[in-house]
Amino acid sequence: MANIAAVTDAEFEAQVLKSDKPVLVDFWAEWCGPCRQVAPILDEINAEHGEKITLLKMNVDENPVTPSSYRVTGIPTINVYQGGEVVKSIVGAKPKAALLKELADFI
């Protein structure tokens, strides 16, 4: 996930909830195999659609507060935030075509 910036609990409100455009947050962890599978797909989506939607990643081990407050119990969980609210939640690794279909309203 080299191309996607990380967000922390401390930055979450400013970078995600107060953003003018939709923000996709990938909740992940180093030890999560499916998270590593979805990472290059999100890099591609970021490269193709980054002007319309902001992509960020949050390590759930390093930032326990935000995932807990949004009831993220399984990873990878991808939440899309718009206007300070969760407008889409995608749980589990999915192929690129499935992710693009789920994100069609935002990209």
Foldseek 3Di string as FASTA:
>chain_A
DVVAAADAPVCCCVPAQPDQAKEKEWEAAPPDPQSVVCVVLVVVCCVVPVVQYHYYYYHCVRHVPVCVVVVPDAPRWIFIDDNRDTPDIDHTHDDNVVVCVRCVVRD
